[in-house]
N, C-alpha and C. Protein backbone atom coordinates (compact mmCIF):
# COMPACT_ATOMS: atom_id res chain seq x y z
N MET A 1 11.03 15.76 -12.58
CA MET A 1 11.08 14.43 -12.12
C MET A 1 9.72 14.05 -11.42
N ALA A 2 9.96 12.55 -12.20
CA ALA A 2 7.94 12.51 -11.57
C ALA A 2 8.44 11.70 -10.54
N ALA A 3 7.49 11.77 -9.20
CA ALA A 3 7.66 11.55 -8.06
C ALA A 3 7.36 9.72 -8.19
N VAL A 4 7.97 9.29 -7.60
CA VAL A 4 7.96 7.40 -7.62
C VAL A 4 7.33 7.05 -5.98
N LYS A 5 6.15 6.12 -7.06
CA LYS A 5 5.83 5.49 -5.49
C LYS A 5 5.83 3.97 -5.14
N LEU A 6 5.57 3.15 -4.64
CA LEU A 6 4.96 1.68 -4.35
C LEU A 6 3.82 1.44 -4.28
N VAL A 7 2.56 0.98 -4.93
CA VAL A 7 1.34 1.17 -4.55
C VAL A 7 0.75 -0.47 -4.26
N VAL A 8 0.32 -0.72 -3.07
CA VAL A 8 -0.91 -1.98 -2.89
C VAL A 8 -2.05 -1.94 -3.08
N MET A 9 -2.63 -2.64 -3.46
CA MET A 9 -4.22 -2.53 -3.42
C MET A 9 -4.93 -3.64 -3.26
N TYR A 10 -5.56 -3.63 -2.15
CA TYR A 10 -6.17 -4.85 -1.60
C TYR A 10 -7.62 -5.07 -2.07
N PRO A 11 -7.88 -6.42 -2.14
CA PRO A 11 -9.32 -7.27 -2.84
C PRO A 11 -9.83 -6.66 -1.70
N ARG A 12 -11.40 -6.35 -1.35
CA ARG A 12 -12.63 -6.32 -0.90
C ARG A 12 -12.36 -7.46 0.11
N PRO A 13 -11.69 -7.87 1.40
CA PRO A 13 -11.56 -8.68 2.38
C PRO A 13 -13.00 -9.58 3.07
N THR A 14 -13.10 -10.45 2.84
CA THR A 14 -13.91 -11.52 3.25
C THR A 14 -14.42 -11.26 4.63
N ASP A 15 -13.99 -10.20 5.32
CA ASP A 15 -14.45 -10.05 6.82
C ASP A 15 -13.69 -8.69 6.77
N ILE A 16 -14.26 -7.63 6.68
CA ILE A 16 -14.07 -6.41 6.40
C ILE A 16 -13.59 -6.15 7.74
N ASP A 17 -13.98 -6.26 9.16
CA ASP A 17 -14.19 -5.67 10.52
C ASP A 17 -12.43 -6.61 10.79
N ALA A 18 -12.15 -7.86 10.75
CA ALA A 18 -11.23 -8.16 10.90
C ALA A 18 -9.70 -7.85 10.16
N PHE A 19 -10.56 -7.36 8.72
CA PHE A 19 -9.17 -7.38 8.10
C PHE A 19 -8.50 -5.77 8.40
N GLU A 20 -9.57 -4.48 9.25
CA GLU A 20 -9.17 -3.34 9.50
C GLU A 20 -8.45 -3.37 10.78
N LYS A 21 -8.93 -4.27 11.33
CA LYS A 21 -7.86 -4.27 12.65
C LYS A 21 -6.55 -4.60 12.34
N ARG A 22 -6.24 -5.68 11.69
CA ARG A 22 -4.98 -5.83 11.31
C ARG A 22 -4.65 -5.08 10.50
N TYR A 23 -5.29 -4.49 9.91
CA TYR A 23 -4.16 -3.39 8.71
C TYR A 23 -3.74 -2.34 9.60
N LEU A 24 -4.34 -1.69 10.42
CA LEU A 24 -4.95 -0.35 11.22
C LEU A 24 -3.34 -0.83 12.55
N LYS A 25 -3.64 -2.16 13.20
CA LYS A 25 -3.02 -2.05 14.15
C LYS A 25 -1.54 -2.61 13.90
N GLU A 26 -1.51 -3.16 12.91
CA GLU A 26 -0.18 -4.23 12.91
C GLU A 26 0.41 -3.83 11.29
N HIS A 27 -0.36 -3.90 10.38
CA HIS A 27 0.29 -3.56 9.07
C HIS A 27 1.16 -1.90 9.16
N VAL A 28 0.21 -0.95 9.09
CA VAL A 28 0.41 0.78 8.93
C VAL A 28 1.58 0.82 10.20
N GLN A 29 1.80 0.06 11.36
CA GLN A 29 2.64 0.40 12.01
C GLN A 29 3.74 -0.50 11.36
N MET A 30 3.88 -1.56 10.56
CA MET A 30 5.10 -2.14 10.66
C MET A 30 5.59 -1.17 9.22
N ALA A 31 4.68 -1.11 8.00
CA ALA A 31 5.19 -0.03 7.13
C ALA A 31 6.32 1.10 7.89
N VAL A 32 5.24 2.01 8.33
CA VAL A 32 5.78 2.89 8.99
C VAL A 32 7.18 3.00 9.64
N GLU A 33 7.61 1.76 10.51
CA GLU A 33 8.72 1.43 10.83
C GLU A 33 9.70 0.56 9.96
N LYS A 34 9.48 -0.14 9.27
CA LYS A 34 10.44 -0.72 7.90
C LYS A 34 10.12 0.01 6.82
N MET A 35 9.70 0.49 6.59
CA MET A 35 9.69 0.69 4.70
C MET A 35 10.62 2.46 4.93
N ILE A 36 12.11 1.55 4.89
CA ILE A 36 12.97 2.67 4.73
C ILE A 36 13.35 4.03 3.72
N GLY A 37 13.43 5.03 3.84
CA GLY A 37 13.36 6.00 2.94
C GLY A 37 12.24 6.89 2.41
N LYS A 38 11.01 6.22 2.53
CA LYS A 38 9.62 6.53 2.30
C LYS A 38 9.86 8.03 2.22
N THR A 39 8.72 9.07 1.76
CA THR A 39 8.63 10.33 2.63
C THR A 39 7.27 10.55 3.01
N LYS A 40 6.44 9.61 2.29
CA LYS A 40 4.71 9.71 3.88
C LYS A 40 4.21 8.34 2.76
N ILE A 41 2.71 8.02 3.57
CA ILE A 41 2.59 7.14 3.18
C ILE A 41 0.90 7.41 2.86
N VAL A 42 0.12 7.37 1.74
CA VAL A 42 -1.35 7.75 1.49
C VAL A 42 -1.99 6.66 1.93
N ALA A 43 -2.91 6.18 2.69
CA ALA A 43 -3.69 4.76 2.86
C ALA A 43 -5.22 5.56 2.98
N THR A 44 -5.65 4.71 1.47
CA THR A 44 -7.14 5.01 1.26
C THR A 44 -7.97 3.77 1.19
N LYS A 45 -9.24 3.95 1.52
CA LYS A 45 -9.89 2.99 1.64
C LYS A 45 -11.05 3.46 0.72
N ALA A 46 -11.71 2.47 0.07
CA ALA A 46 -12.64 2.82 -1.22
C ALA A 46 -13.99 2.55 -0.66
N VAL A 47 -14.96 3.08 -0.33
CA VAL A 47 -16.14 3.53 0.43
C VAL A 47 -17.71 3.17 -0.64
N GLY A 48 -17.15 3.57 -2.42
CA GLY A 48 -18.00 3.06 -3.14
C GLY A 48 -17.60 3.28 -4.79
N SER A 49 -18.62 3.16 -5.23
CA SER A 49 -18.33 3.53 -6.88
C SER A 49 -19.49 3.27 -7.56
N PRO A 50 -19.31 4.23 -8.78
CA PRO A 50 -20.51 4.55 -9.15
C PRO A 50 -21.08 2.94 -10.34
N GLN A 51 -20.20 2.24 -10.45
CA GLN A 51 -19.95 0.79 -11.24
C GLN A 51 -20.36 -0.53 -10.06
N GLY A 52 -20.50 -0.26 -8.75
CA GLY A 52 -21.09 -0.90 -7.71
C GLY A 52 -19.90 -1.32 -6.82
N THR A 53 -19.71 -2.43 -6.36
CA THR A 53 -18.87 -2.73 -5.39
C THR A 53 -17.42 -2.47 -5.81
N PRO A 54 -16.31 -1.45 -5.22
CA PRO A 54 -15.25 -1.48 -6.11
C PRO A 54 -14.49 -2.79 -5.78
N LEU A 55 -13.49 -2.99 -6.82
CA LEU A 55 -12.97 -4.31 -6.92
C LEU A 55 -11.53 -4.56 -5.35
N TYR A 56 -11.06 -2.92 -5.58
CA TYR A 56 -10.19 -2.81 -4.51
C TYR A 56 -10.83 -1.93 -2.97
N TYR A 57 -10.58 -2.36 -1.62
CA TYR A 57 -10.87 -2.24 -0.63
C TYR A 57 -10.28 -1.51 -0.25
N ARG A 58 -8.96 -1.50 0.08
CA ARG A 58 -7.92 -0.61 0.59
C ARG A 58 -6.49 -0.44 -0.55
N ILE A 59 -6.18 0.99 -0.81
CA ILE A 59 -5.01 1.32 -1.49
C ILE A 59 -3.75 1.84 -0.87
N ALA A 60 -2.76 1.49 -0.55
CA ALA A 60 -1.93 2.04 0.06
C ALA A 60 -0.83 2.78 -1.23
N GLU A 61 -0.40 4.26 -0.54
CA GLU A 61 0.86 4.17 -1.40
C GLU A 61 1.84 4.72 -0.63
N ILE A 62 3.16 4.01 -0.89
CA ILE A 62 4.42 4.49 -0.31
C ILE A 62 5.15 5.35 -1.07
N HIS A 63 5.47 6.74 -0.67
CA HIS A 63 6.03 7.27 -1.54
C HIS A 63 7.38 7.49 -1.36
N PHE A 64 8.67 8.13 -2.28
CA PHE A 64 10.03 8.05 -2.16
C PHE A 64 10.27 9.10 -3.29
N PRO A 65 11.40 9.97 -2.54
CA PRO A 65 11.83 10.94 -3.31
C PRO A 65 12.51 10.19 -4.92
N THR A 66 13.19 8.93 -4.90
CA THR A 66 13.99 8.64 -6.28
C THR A 66 13.26 7.06 -6.09
N MET A 67 13.70 6.67 -8.00
CA MET A 67 13.37 5.29 -7.77
C MET A 67 14.68 4.29 -7.48
N LYS A 68 15.40 5.33 -7.09
CA LYS A 68 17.01 4.26 -6.51
C LYS A 68 16.16 4.25 -4.97
N ASP A 69 15.87 4.77 -4.10
CA ASP A 69 15.32 5.09 -2.85
C ASP A 69 14.15 3.81 -2.63
N LEU A 70 13.09 3.98 -3.73
CA LEU A 70 12.37 2.85 -3.87
C LEU A 70 13.05 1.51 -3.91
N GLU A 71 13.66 1.29 -5.11
CA GLU A 71 14.73 0.26 -5.17
C GLU A 71 15.00 -0.48 -3.35
N ALA A 72 15.97 0.91 -3.11
CA ALA A 72 16.62 0.31 -2.01
C ALA A 72 15.82 -0.17 -1.06
N CYS A 73 14.64 0.39 -0.64
CA CYS A 73 13.80 0.19 0.08
C CYS A 73 13.22 -1.35 -0.08
N ALA A 74 12.71 -1.90 -1.33
CA ALA A 74 12.49 -3.06 -1.90
C ALA A 74 13.49 -3.85 -1.58
N ALA A 75 14.39 -3.65 -1.49
CA ALA A 75 15.49 -4.92 -1.67
C ALA A 75 15.85 -5.19 0.40
N SER A 76 15.30 -4.12 1.20
CA SER A 76 15.42 -4.90 2.25
C SER A 76 14.27 -5.78 3.31
N GLN A 77 15.21 -6.20 4.00
CA GLN A 77 14.61 -7.31 5.00
C GLN A 77 13.34 -6.48 5.77
N GLY A 78 13.18 -5.30 5.73
CA GLY A 78 12.09 -4.66 6.48
C GLY A 78 10.30 -4.58 5.26
N ALA A 79 11.05 -4.00 4.23
CA ALA A 79 10.43 -4.41 2.99
C ALA A 79 9.84 -5.43 3.19
N LYS A 80 10.74 -6.73 2.85
CA LYS A 80 10.29 -8.25 2.73
C LYS A 80 9.48 -8.45 3.20
N GLU A 81 9.77 -7.97 4.63
CA GLU A 81 8.70 -8.05 5.81
C GLU A 81 7.39 -8.15 5.84
N THR A 82 7.38 -6.47 5.59
CA THR A 82 5.95 -5.59 5.02
C THR A 82 5.29 -6.27 4.45
N LEU A 83 5.66 -6.79 3.20
CA LEU A 83 5.20 -7.01 1.85
C LEU A 83 4.90 -8.62 2.35
N ALA A 84 5.55 -9.01 2.57
CA ALA A 84 5.05 -10.94 3.43
C ALA A 84 3.77 -10.86 4.00
N HIS A 85 3.43 -9.53 5.07
CA HIS A 85 2.71 -9.31 5.61
C HIS A 85 1.16 -8.92 5.17
N ALA A 86 1.69 -7.79 4.04
CA ALA A 86 0.25 -7.38 3.41
C ALA A 86 -0.38 -8.72 2.71
N PHE A 87 0.38 -9.65 2.60
CA PHE A 87 -0.32 -11.07 1.89
C PHE A 87 -1.02 -11.89 2.91
N THR A 88 -0.70 -11.99 3.85
CA THR A 88 -1.00 -12.78 5.23
C THR A 88 -2.47 -12.08 5.57
N ILE A 89 -2.53 -10.40 5.39
CA ILE A 89 -3.73 -9.94 5.89
C ILE A 89 -5.14 -9.93 4.30
N SER A 90 -4.71 -10.24 3.46
CA SER A 90 -5.36 -9.62 2.10
C SER A 90 -6.45 -11.13 1.94
N THR A 91 -7.11 -11.29 2.70
CA THR A 91 -8.36 -12.23 2.76
C THR A 91 -8.91 -12.43 1.30
N GLY A 92 -9.01 -11.39 0.98
CA GLY A 92 -10.32 -11.26 -0.19
C GLY A 92 -9.17 -11.80 -1.31
N GLY A 93 -8.06 -12.10 -1.66
CA GLY A 93 -7.28 -12.50 -2.50
C GLY A 93 -5.92 -11.75 -2.45
N PRO A 94 -4.65 -12.24 -3.39
CA PRO A 94 -3.86 -11.32 -2.98
C PRO A 94 -3.86 -9.94 -3.35
N PRO A 95 -3.12 -9.44 -2.73
CA PRO A 95 -3.18 -7.52 -2.92
C PRO A 95 -1.97 -7.43 -4.34
N VAL A 96 -2.44 -6.45 -5.04
CA VAL A 96 -1.67 -6.10 -6.23
C VAL A 96 -0.44 -5.02 -6.06
N ILE A 97 0.81 -5.62 -6.50
CA ILE A 97 1.54 -4.47 -6.13
C ILE A 97 2.58 -3.58 -7.64
N LEU A 98 2.21 -2.20 -7.44
CA LEU A 98 2.99 -1.89 -8.56
C LEU A 98 4.05 -0.68 -7.85
N VAL A 99 4.68 -0.60 -9.19
CA VAL A 99 5.68 0.45 -9.00
C VAL A 99 5.33 1.30 -9.78
N ALA A 100 4.84 2.79 -9.27
CA ALA A 100 4.30 3.95 -10.04
C ALA A 100 4.91 5.25 -10.02
N GLU A 101 4.76 6.31 -11.42
CA GLU A 101 5.70 7.60 -10.97
C GLU A 101 3.87 8.01 -10.86
N GLU A 102 4.11 9.07 -10.24
CA GLU A 102 3.46 10.31 -10.42
C GLU A 102 3.09 11.42 -10.79
N GLU A 103 2.21 11.94 -11.50
CA GLU A 103 2.32 13.56 -12.03
C GLU A 103 1.03 14.41 -11.19
N THR A 104 1.46 15.15 -10.71
CA THR A 104 0.40 15.47 -9.88
C THR A 104 0.05 17.37 -10.63
N PHE A 105 -0.84 17.73 -11.31
CA PHE A 105 -1.43 18.77 -11.80
C PHE A 105 -2.36 19.47 -10.79
N ASN A 106 -1.80 20.51 -10.30
CA ASN A 106 -2.58 21.33 -9.62
C ASN A 106 -3.65 22.64 -9.86
N PHE A 107 -4.57 23.18 -9.76
CA PHE A 107 -5.32 24.10 -9.74
C PHE A 107 -5.58 24.75 -8.95
């Protein structure tokens, strides 16, 4: 069975320092406390691209054991508050939110 995750992609913010401050001090803590059923959170910061400035500055992945666990979390008040907060801190435009299945290939 493929792992499932909620992916949140933030466009490049208008003020990177202000975004980072709110993201790290407010939003990550909120996600840790309120996203029930998660197994891990991966927070990625895009630092470059061979194609120029990356379209997305931050990409957050919230992992769940099953789709049922992801759906239960998404229906919770805590997840709704956390996703609403994501929209308030995303000054470069609205974040893109995806539900994804993950396949891992280890070498």
